[in-house]
Amino acid sequence: MTLDECIAIALEGQPRIQATLADYAAARFRVNQSLAPLLPQLSGLVSASRSESTSVSTNSRGVNVETSQSRQFSDTFLAQVQLSQLLFDFGKNLAATDASRKLAEVAVEDVELQRQLIALAVKEAYTNTLFSQRLIRVQAQAVERAELNLRSAKGFFDVGTRPKSDVARAEVDVANARVDLIRARNAYRSAIVALNIAMAIGVDSPTKIVDNLIYEAVTMDRLQLRGDALRQRPEYRQAKLRAAAAEATERQTFRNFFPDISGSGTYGGSQPQLNETWTLGLTLSWSLFDGGGRIAKYQEAKANLEGARARVKSSELDILQNVEQAEIAVEEAQERIQAAQALVASAQENFRLAQGRFDAGVGTILELTDAQLALTQAQNTESQALADYRISLARLDRAVGRR
């Protein structure tokens, strides 16, 4: 699979995406909840009761007489439909709805944030897998060179031109190279597991990927990257949306000091004759004093708004810092690749000369094994620089807000 195919699989299957989509759906429903008080409220009422009471009265002759009065369900049956409508509340519910909408948009940005983070995780796991593959090849070549040196040392020892210590040193070199090869293979297995988990597929899946661990120079326009980051980073848009939601909440709490005006009406009938009944009403409700609760809520909303505005600026500074650090990392990796490639060329030539001197009988086994180790380390350094370069490019994309 290519890198783009791995990212597509991850974006489709990662449960974190599904979780953030569910959070967004919940946020949209909260918008409907905030809007509901502005719409007509319709309810039905059906009631009936049964009662019995006794009263004592005195008749004209001065005798106390008990009178029993009984009311059955059919006598007290009442059925009504009630309709109420908020007519004017100085924009309280509109401000609450606006705040809910902004928070729903924050949830949308969280979906994009998770997509960018998942894409970055796949890119890093993909690169680490390729790096592990490269290390396996480097260590396999090191084992082949060490085994060749061991055969040469044994041949010279058999003809009596080299001491036994040369053979022992070559055997140690072979053993160390094989241990490093085992470690590289285990690191590759771990890298495949990490890549499969990043794609949300089975950890034992035999994933095969295309090698893109090559050096391709890039040029960067710092001003353009900073502008792109502030436009594309979901964290910055989230900070501004939260500030807008806090501003709407501050408006709502301020308008809580004003009254509500609502209208209501009922229509129905009552037993025993199911007589028609209806009512119309207009209500103005105004809480004149609530112990300072509304004042405290308004002050809290103002403080929250100030904090949200400060976090917008803080988010901007963090994003610019991330972009700058990512740019520096890319430039550093480019320079390291060029230096590592020169190092590999020098190490290869040094090993060739050391091997020629050893085969000619004028070099020592120590010189040869040192050259072998230096070549392996140079190849590892080059592979690490290439992997770091790819990862730094992935992190630059993330810093700018690209997947």
Protein backbone atom coordinates (compact mmCIF):
# COMPACT_ATOMS: atom_id res chain seq x y z
CA MET A 1 0.00 0.00 0.00
CA THR A 2 1.03 3.58 -0.57
CA LEU A 3 1.05 6.20 2.17
CA ASP A 4 -2.13 7.80 0.83
CA GLU A 5 -3.91 4.44 0.87
CA CYS A 6 -2.87 3.84 4.47
CA ILE A 7 -4.15 7.29 5.49
CA ALA A 8 -7.47 6.68 3.71
CA ILE A 9 -7.93 3.36 5.54
CA ALA A 10 -7.18 5.03 8.88
CA LEU A 11 -9.57 7.93 8.31
CA GLU A 12 -12.35 5.51 7.45
CA GLY A 13 -11.83 3.00 10.24
CA GLN A 14 -10.43 4.86 13.23
CA PRO A 15 -12.98 4.87 16.10
CA ARG A 16 -11.77 8.31 17.20
CA ILE A 17 -13.33 9.75 14.04
CA GLN A 18 -16.63 8.04 14.79
CA ALA A 19 -16.52 9.35 18.37
CA THR A 20 -15.96 12.96 17.28
CA LEU A 21 -18.74 12.66 14.69
CA ALA A 22 -21.07 11.50 17.46
CA ASP A 23 -19.96 14.47 19.58
CA TYR A 24 -20.82 16.77 16.68
CA ALA A 25 -24.27 15.21 16.35
CA ALA A 26 -24.86 15.78 20.06
CA ALA A 27 -23.76 19.41 19.68
CA ARG A 28 -26.25 19.95 16.85
CA PHE A 29 -29.04 18.58 19.04
CA ARG A 30 -28.03 21.05 21.76
CA VAL A 31 -28.64 23.83 19.23
CA ASN A 32 -32.19 22.54 18.79
CA GLN A 33 -32.61 22.48 22.57
CA SER A 34 -31.57 26.14 22.80
CA LEU A 35 -33.95 27.11 20.02
CA ALA A 36 -36.95 25.18 21.40
CA PRO A 37 -38.13 27.84 23.94
CA LEU A 38 -38.64 30.30 21.08
CA LEU A 39 -41.17 28.03 19.39
CA PRO A 40 -44.81 27.43 20.44
CA GLN A 41 -45.30 25.05 23.35
CA LEU A 42 -48.34 22.76 23.06
CA SER A 43 -49.54 20.40 25.79
CA GLY A 44 -52.66 18.50 26.71
CA LEU A 45 -54.38 18.12 30.08
CA VAL A 46 -56.95 15.54 31.13
CA SER A 47 -58.04 15.37 34.77
CA ALA A 48 -60.80 13.81 36.85
CA SER A 49 -61.28 13.35 40.57
CA ARG A 50 -63.66 11.65 42.96
CA SER A 51 -64.52 13.17 46.34
CA GLU A 52 -66.99 12.96 49.16
CA SER A 53 -67.59 15.54 51.89
CA THR A 54 -69.97 15.95 54.85
CA SER A 55 -71.25 19.25 56.19
CA VAL A 56 -73.29 20.04 59.30
CA SER A 57 -76.00 22.69 59.26
CA THR A 58 -78.77 23.77 61.65
CA ASN A 59 -82.33 23.77 60.43
CA SER A 60 -85.11 26.16 61.45
CA ARG A 61 -85.94 24.08 64.54
CA GLY A 62 -82.39 24.25 65.83
CA VAL A 63 -81.50 20.67 64.98
CA ASN A 64 -78.11 19.87 63.49
CA VAL A 65 -78.43 18.13 60.16
CA GLU A 66 -75.56 16.32 58.38
CA THR A 67 -75.44 16.70 54.61
CA SER A 68 -73.26 14.43 52.45
CA GLN A 69 -72.00 15.58 49.07
CA SER A 70 -70.38 13.20 46.61
CA ARG A 71 -68.62 13.99 43.27
CA GLN A 72 -67.84 11.23 40.79
CA PHE A 73 -65.21 11.07 38.03
CA SER A 74 -67.83 11.93 35.45
CA ASP A 75 -68.73 15.09 37.36
CA THR A 76 -65.17 16.47 37.46
CA PHE A 77 -63.80 15.32 34.10
CA LEU A 78 -61.80 18.09 32.35
CA ALA A 79 -59.97 17.97 29.00
CA GLN A 80 -57.90 20.90 27.72
CA VAL A 81 -55.29 21.77 25.11
CA GLN A 82 -52.80 24.40 26.30
CA LEU A 83 -50.77 26.62 23.95
CA SER A 84 -48.10 29.05 25.07
CA GLN A 85 -45.71 31.24 23.12
CA LEU A 86 -42.79 33.36 24.27
CA LEU A 87 -43.41 36.74 22.69
CA PHE A 88 -40.33 38.73 23.72
CA ASP A 89 -37.39 37.99 25.99
CA PHE A 90 -34.90 40.70 24.91
CA GLY A 91 -32.90 38.13 22.90
CA LYS A 92 -31.98 35.77 25.75
CA ASN A 93 -32.80 32.55 23.92
CA LEU A 94 -31.39 33.84 20.64
CA ALA A 95 -28.07 34.49 22.38
CA ALA A 96 -28.15 31.01 23.94
CA THR A 97 -28.87 29.49 20.52
CA ASP A 98 -26.00 31.43 18.98
CA ALA A 99 -23.63 30.15 21.67
CA SER A 100 -24.79 26.57 21.02
CA ARG A 101 -24.21 27.00 17.28
CA LYS A 102 -20.66 28.20 17.88
CA LEU A 103 -19.96 25.22 20.13
CA ALA A 104 -21.37 22.90 17.44
CA GLU A 105 -18.91 24.44 15.00
CA VAL A 106 -16.17 23.75 17.56
CA ALA A 107 -17.20 20.09 17.38
CA VAL A 108 -16.89 20.22 13.57
CA GLU A 109 -13.35 21.51 13.93
CA ASP A 110 -12.61 18.73 16.40
CA VAL A 111 -13.47 16.21 13.68
CA GLU A 112 -10.92 17.82 11.37
CA LEU A 113 -8.39 17.95 14.21
CA GLN A 114 -8.71 14.23 14.81
CA ARG A 115 -8.30 13.57 11.09
CA GLN A 116 -5.08 15.55 11.01
CA LEU A 117 -3.74 13.82 14.11
CA ILE A 118 -4.60 10.39 12.70
CA ALA A 119 -2.95 11.24 9.38
CA LEU A 120 0.19 12.34 11.25
CA ALA A 121 0.22 9.13 13.30
CA VAL A 122 -0.05 7.03 10.12
CA LYS A 123 2.75 9.00 8.43
CA GLU A 124 5.05 8.52 11.42
CA ALA A 125 4.25 4.81 11.73
CA TYR A 126 4.69 4.38 7.96
CA THR A 127 8.10 6.08 8.06
CA ASN A 128 9.21 4.11 11.13
CA THR A 129 8.29 0.90 9.31
CA LEU A 130 10.39 1.89 6.30
CA PHE A 131 13.22 2.90 8.61
CA SER A 132 13.09 -0.54 10.26
CA GLN A 133 13.19 -2.19 6.84
CA ARG A 134 16.20 -0.08 5.91
CA LEU A 135 17.98 -1.06 9.12
CA ILE A 136 17.36 -4.74 8.37
CA ARG A 137 19.08 -4.32 5.00
CA VAL A 138 21.97 -2.41 6.56
CA GLN A 139 22.46 -5.02 9.29
CA ALA A 140 22.15 -7.87 6.77
CA GLN A 141 24.92 -6.26 4.72
CA ALA A 142 26.97 -5.87 7.88
CA VAL A 143 26.57 -9.60 8.61
CA GLU A 144 27.68 -10.46 5.06
CA ARG A 145 30.77 -8.25 5.36
CA ALA A 146 31.59 -9.65 8.78
CA GLU A 147 31.24 -13.23 7.54
CA LEU A 148 33.48 -12.42 4.54
CA ASN A 149 36.09 -10.98 6.90
CA LEU A 150 35.84 -14.09 9.07
CA ARG A 151 36.47 -16.36 6.09
CA SER A 152 39.47 -14.26 5.12
CA ALA A 153 40.85 -14.36 8.66
CA LYS A 154 40.42 -18.16 8.82
CA GLY A 155 42.14 -18.56 5.44
CA PHE A 156 45.12 -16.50 6.55
CA PHE A 157 45.27 -18.39 9.85
CA ASP A 158 45.20 -21.73 8.06
CA VAL A 159 48.24 -20.79 5.97
CA GLY A 160 49.98 -19.37 9.01
CA THR A 161 50.09 -15.70 7.99
CA ARG A 162 47.62 -14.44 10.66
CA PRO A 163 47.33 -15.20 14.37
CA LYS A 164 44.36 -16.93 16.00
CA SER A 165 43.35 -13.63 17.61
CA ASP A 166 42.37 -12.28 14.20
CA VAL A 167 39.92 -15.15 13.78
CA ALA A 168 38.50 -14.57 17.27
CA ARG A 169 38.06 -10.85 16.61
CA ALA A 170 36.27 -11.60 13.32
CA GLU A 171 33.99 -14.09 15.06
CA VAL A 172 33.04 -11.44 17.64
CA ASP A 173 32.31 -9.04 14.82
CA VAL A 174 30.00 -11.60 13.16
CA ALA A 175 28.17 -12.29 16.42
CA ASN A 176 27.60 -8.57 17.09
CA ALA A 177 26.31 -8.05 13.55
CA ARG A 178 23.86 -10.94 13.93
CA VAL A 179 22.58 -9.54 17.25
CA ASP A 180 22.01 -6.16 15.61
CA LEU A 181 20.15 -7.89 12.77
CA ILE A 182 17.86 -9.66 15.26
CA ARG A 183 17.10 -6.34 16.93
CA ALA A 184 16.34 -4.73 13.59
CA ARG A 185 13.91 -7.50 12.69
CA ASN A 186 12.12 -7.20 16.04
CA ALA A 187 11.92 -3.42 15.59
CA TYR A 188 10.32 -4.00 12.19
CA ARG A 189 7.68 -6.28 13.71
CA SER A 190 6.87 -3.64 16.32
CA ALA A 191 6.68 -0.96 13.63
CA ILE A 192 4.21 -3.05 11.59
CA VAL A 193 2.02 -3.47 14.68
CA ALA A 194 2.08 0.31 15.27
CA LEU A 195 1.16 0.97 11.64
CA ASN A 196 -1.72 -1.51 11.73
CA ILE A 197 -3.07 0.05 14.92
CA ALA A 198 -2.78 3.52 13.38
CA MET A 199 -4.89 2.24 10.45
CA ALA A 200 -7.34 0.52 12.86
CA ILE A 201 -6.87 -2.89 11.24
CA GLY A 202 -5.84 -6.24 12.71
CA VAL A 203 -2.48 -6.08 14.46
CA ASP A 204 -1.41 -9.32 12.77
CA SER A 205 -2.24 -8.12 9.26
CA PRO A 206 0.70 -8.78 6.89
CA THR A 207 0.96 -5.17 5.77
CA LYS A 208 3.27 -4.37 2.86
CA ILE A 209 4.03 -0.76 2.00
CA VAL A 210 5.74 1.18 -0.78
CA ASP A 211 9.20 2.55 0.06
CA ASN A 212 9.25 6.36 -0.15
CA LEU A 213 12.30 6.82 2.08
CA ILE A 214 14.14 8.97 -0.43
CA TYR A 215 15.43 12.50 -0.31
CA GLU A 216 13.47 15.12 -2.23
CA ALA A 217 14.47 18.68 -1.43
CA VAL A 218 11.68 21.13 -0.58
CA THR A 219 11.60 24.91 -0.47
CA MET A 220 9.61 26.73 2.19
CA ASP A 221 8.04 30.20 2.20
CA ARG A 222 7.88 31.08 5.88
CA LEU A 223 5.35 33.89 5.56
CA GLN A 224 3.02 31.77 3.45
CA LEU A 225 3.30 28.82 5.82
CA ARG A 226 2.40 30.99 8.81
CA GLY A 227 -0.61 32.45 7.01
CA ASP A 228 -1.74 28.98 5.91
CA ALA A 229 -1.39 27.68 9.47
CA LEU A 230 -3.62 30.39 10.94
CA ARG A 231 -6.24 29.70 8.26
CA GLN A 232 -6.12 25.91 8.34
CA ARG A 233 -5.32 24.85 11.90
CA PRO A 234 -8.57 23.67 13.54
CA GLU A 235 -7.25 24.59 16.99
CA TYR A 236 -7.09 28.27 16.03
CA ARG A 237 -10.58 28.21 14.55
CA GLN A 238 -11.82 26.43 17.68
CA ALA A 239 -10.31 29.12 19.91
CA LYS A 240 -12.08 31.86 17.93
CA LEU A 241 -15.37 29.95 17.95
CA ARG A 242 -15.14 29.45 21.72
CA ALA A 243 -14.54 33.18 22.11
CA ALA A 244 -17.63 33.88 19.98
CA ALA A 245 -19.65 31.42 22.09
CA ALA A 246 -18.42 33.10 25.26
CA GLU A 247 -19.48 36.48 23.85
CA ALA A 248 -22.96 35.14 23.09
CA THR A 249 -23.20 33.70 26.61
CA GLU A 250 -22.18 37.08 28.04
CA ARG A 251 -25.00 38.73 26.06
CA GLN A 252 -27.46 36.14 27.32
CA THR A 253 -26.52 36.63 30.98
CA PHE A 254 -26.78 40.41 30.60
CA ARG A 255 -30.28 40.12 29.13
CA ASN A 256 -31.37 37.98 32.06
CA PHE A 257 -31.83 41.31 33.89
CA PHE A 258 -34.84 42.06 31.63
CA PRO A 259 -38.37 40.60 31.79
CA ASP A 260 -40.03 37.92 29.68
CA ILE A 261 -43.35 38.46 27.92
CA SER A 262 -45.37 35.40 26.93
CA GLY A 263 -48.89 34.59 25.84
CA SER A 264 -50.96 31.52 26.64
CA GLY A 265 -54.33 30.03 25.88
CA THR A 266 -56.37 26.94 26.68
CA TYR A 267 -59.33 25.29 25.02
CA GLY A 268 -61.29 22.29 26.22
CA GLY A 269 -64.41 20.98 27.82
CA SER A 270 -65.67 19.73 31.19
CA GLN A 271 -68.24 17.15 32.28
CA PRO A 272 -71.00 16.36 32.88
CA GLN A 273 -72.20 18.26 29.78
CA LEU A 274 -68.68 18.67 28.29
CA ASN A 275 -69.16 22.41 28.36
CA GLU A 276 -66.77 24.36 26.18
CA THR A 277 -64.11 26.34 28.07
CA TRP A 278 -61.32 28.58 26.85
CA THR A 279 -58.91 31.13 28.24
CA LEU A 280 -56.43 33.66 26.88
CA GLY A 281 -53.67 35.26 28.89
CA LEU A 282 -50.67 37.57 28.64
CA THR A 283 -47.89 37.29 31.20
CA LEU A 284 -44.95 39.55 32.02
CA SER A 285 -42.49 37.93 34.40
CA TRP A 286 -39.55 39.81 35.88
CA SER A 287 -37.26 38.62 38.61
CA LEU A 288 -36.46 41.79 40.52
CA PHE A 289 -33.97 40.29 43.01
CA ASP A 290 -32.51 36.81 43.27
CA GLY A 291 -29.86 37.28 45.92
CA GLY A 292 -27.23 38.46 43.42
CA GLY A 293 -27.24 35.24 41.37
CA ARG A 294 -27.75 36.96 38.01
CA ILE A 295 -25.04 39.51 38.74
CA ALA A 296 -22.59 36.73 39.63
CA LYS A 297 -23.45 34.81 36.44
CA TYR A 298 -22.92 37.94 34.35
CA GLN A 299 -19.55 38.60 35.98
CA GLU A 300 -18.59 34.97 35.41
CA ALA A 301 -19.56 35.25 31.73
CA LYS A 302 -17.45 38.41 31.35
CA ALA A 303 -14.45 36.68 32.90
CA ASN A 304 -14.95 33.67 30.64
CA LEU A 305 -15.07 35.97 27.62
CA GLU A 306 -11.80 37.66 28.59
CA GLY A 307 -10.17 34.27 29.07
CA ALA A 308 -11.44 33.00 25.70
CA ARG A 309 -10.07 36.05 23.91
CA ALA A 310 -6.70 35.57 25.60
CA ARG A 311 -6.66 31.91 24.55
CA VAL A 312 -7.16 32.96 20.92
CA LYS A 313 -3.94 34.95 21.11
CA SER A 314 -2.20 32.13 22.96
CA SER A 315 -3.31 29.64 20.30
CA GLU A 316 -1.95 31.92 17.58
CA LEU A 317 1.44 32.12 19.29
CA ASP A 318 1.57 28.34 19.82
CA ILE A 319 0.75 27.68 16.16
CA LEU A 320 3.42 30.09 14.92
CA GLN A 321 5.93 28.44 17.24
CA ASN A 322 4.95 24.98 15.96
CA VAL A 323 5.39 26.10 12.35
CA GLU A 324 8.79 27.63 13.08
CA GLN A 325 9.99 24.52 14.91
CA ALA A 326 8.76 22.28 12.09
CA GLU A 327 10.59 24.42 9.52
CA ILE A 328 13.81 24.22 11.52
CA ALA A 329 13.45 20.44 11.84
CA VAL A 330 13.01 20.07 8.05
CA GLU A 331 16.06 22.21 7.34
CA GLU A 332 18.13 20.32 9.90
CA ALA A 333 17.10 16.95 8.44
CA GLN A 334 18.03 18.12 4.94
CA GLU A 335 21.49 19.14 6.10
CA ARG A 336 21.92 15.87 8.00
CA ILE A 337 21.00 13.83 4.92
CA GLN A 338 23.64 15.58 2.83
CA ALA A 339 26.26 15.12 5.54
CA ALA A 340 25.27 11.47 6.07
CA GLN A 341 25.50 10.69 2.37
CA ALA A 342 29.01 12.12 2.28
CA LEU A 343 29.82 10.10 5.42
CA VAL A 344 28.58 6.87 3.82
CA ALA A 345 30.72 7.49 0.72
CA SER A 346 33.81 8.08 2.87
CA ALA A 347 33.09 5.05 5.07
CA GLN A 348 32.64 2.81 2.02
CA GLU A 349 35.95 3.94 0.61
CA ASN A 350 37.66 3.50 3.99
CA PHE A 351 36.26 -0.02 4.32
CA ARG A 352 37.37 -0.90 0.77
CA LEU A 353 40.89 0.28 1.53
CA ALA A 354 40.99 -1.49 4.91
CA GLN A 355 39.76 -4.73 3.34
CA GLY A 356 42.35 -4.45 0.57
CA ARG A 357 45.14 -3.84 3.08
CA PHE A 358 43.98 -6.80 5.18
CA ASP A 359 43.78 -9.09 2.15
CA ALA A 360 47.25 -7.93 1.10
CA GLY A 361 48.57 -8.80 4.53
CA VAL A 362 49.60 -5.27 5.49
CA GLY A 363 46.47 -4.32 7.48
CA THR A 364 45.25 -5.50 10.86
CA ILE A 365 41.96 -7.14 11.80
CA LEU A 366 41.32 -4.25 14.19
CA GLU A 367 41.60 -1.75 11.37
CA LEU A 368 39.23 -3.82 9.25
CA THR A 369 36.57 -4.30 11.95
CA ASP A 370 36.73 -0.61 12.83
CA ALA A 371 36.14 0.27 9.17
CA GLN A 372 33.29 -2.24 9.02
CA LEU A 373 31.67 -0.75 12.14
CA ALA A 374 32.12 2.81 10.82
CA LEU A 375 30.42 1.88 7.54
CA THR A 376 27.47 0.27 9.31
CA GLN A 377 27.07 3.28 11.61
CA ALA A 378 27.25 5.67 8.64
CA GLN A 379 24.54 3.72 6.81
CA ASN A 380 22.39 3.74 9.96
CA THR A 381 22.93 7.48 10.29
CA GLU A 382 21.84 8.02 6.69
CA SER A 383 18.72 5.90 7.20
CA GLN A 384 17.88 7.77 10.41
CA ALA A 385 18.33 11.13 8.66
CA LEU A 386 16.02 10.07 5.81
CA ALA A 387 13.38 8.86 8.29
CA ASP A 388 13.67 12.06 10.36
CA TYR A 389 13.30 14.09 7.18
CA ARG A 390 10.06 12.33 6.25
CA ILE A 391 8.71 12.67 9.78
CA SER A 392 9.67 16.36 9.92
CA LEU A 393 7.79 16.94 6.65
CA ALA A 394 4.75 15.18 8.12
CA ARG A 395 4.94 17.34 11.24
CA LEU A 396 5.28 20.46 9.09
CA ASP A 397 2.06 19.47 7.31
CA ARG A 398 0.39 19.06 10.68
CA ALA A 399 1.74 22.41 11.92
CA VAL A 400 0.31 24.11 8.83
CA GLY A 401 -3.02 22.28 9.14
CA ARG A 402 -2.64 19.82 6.27
CA ARG A 403 -3.35 16.10 6.38
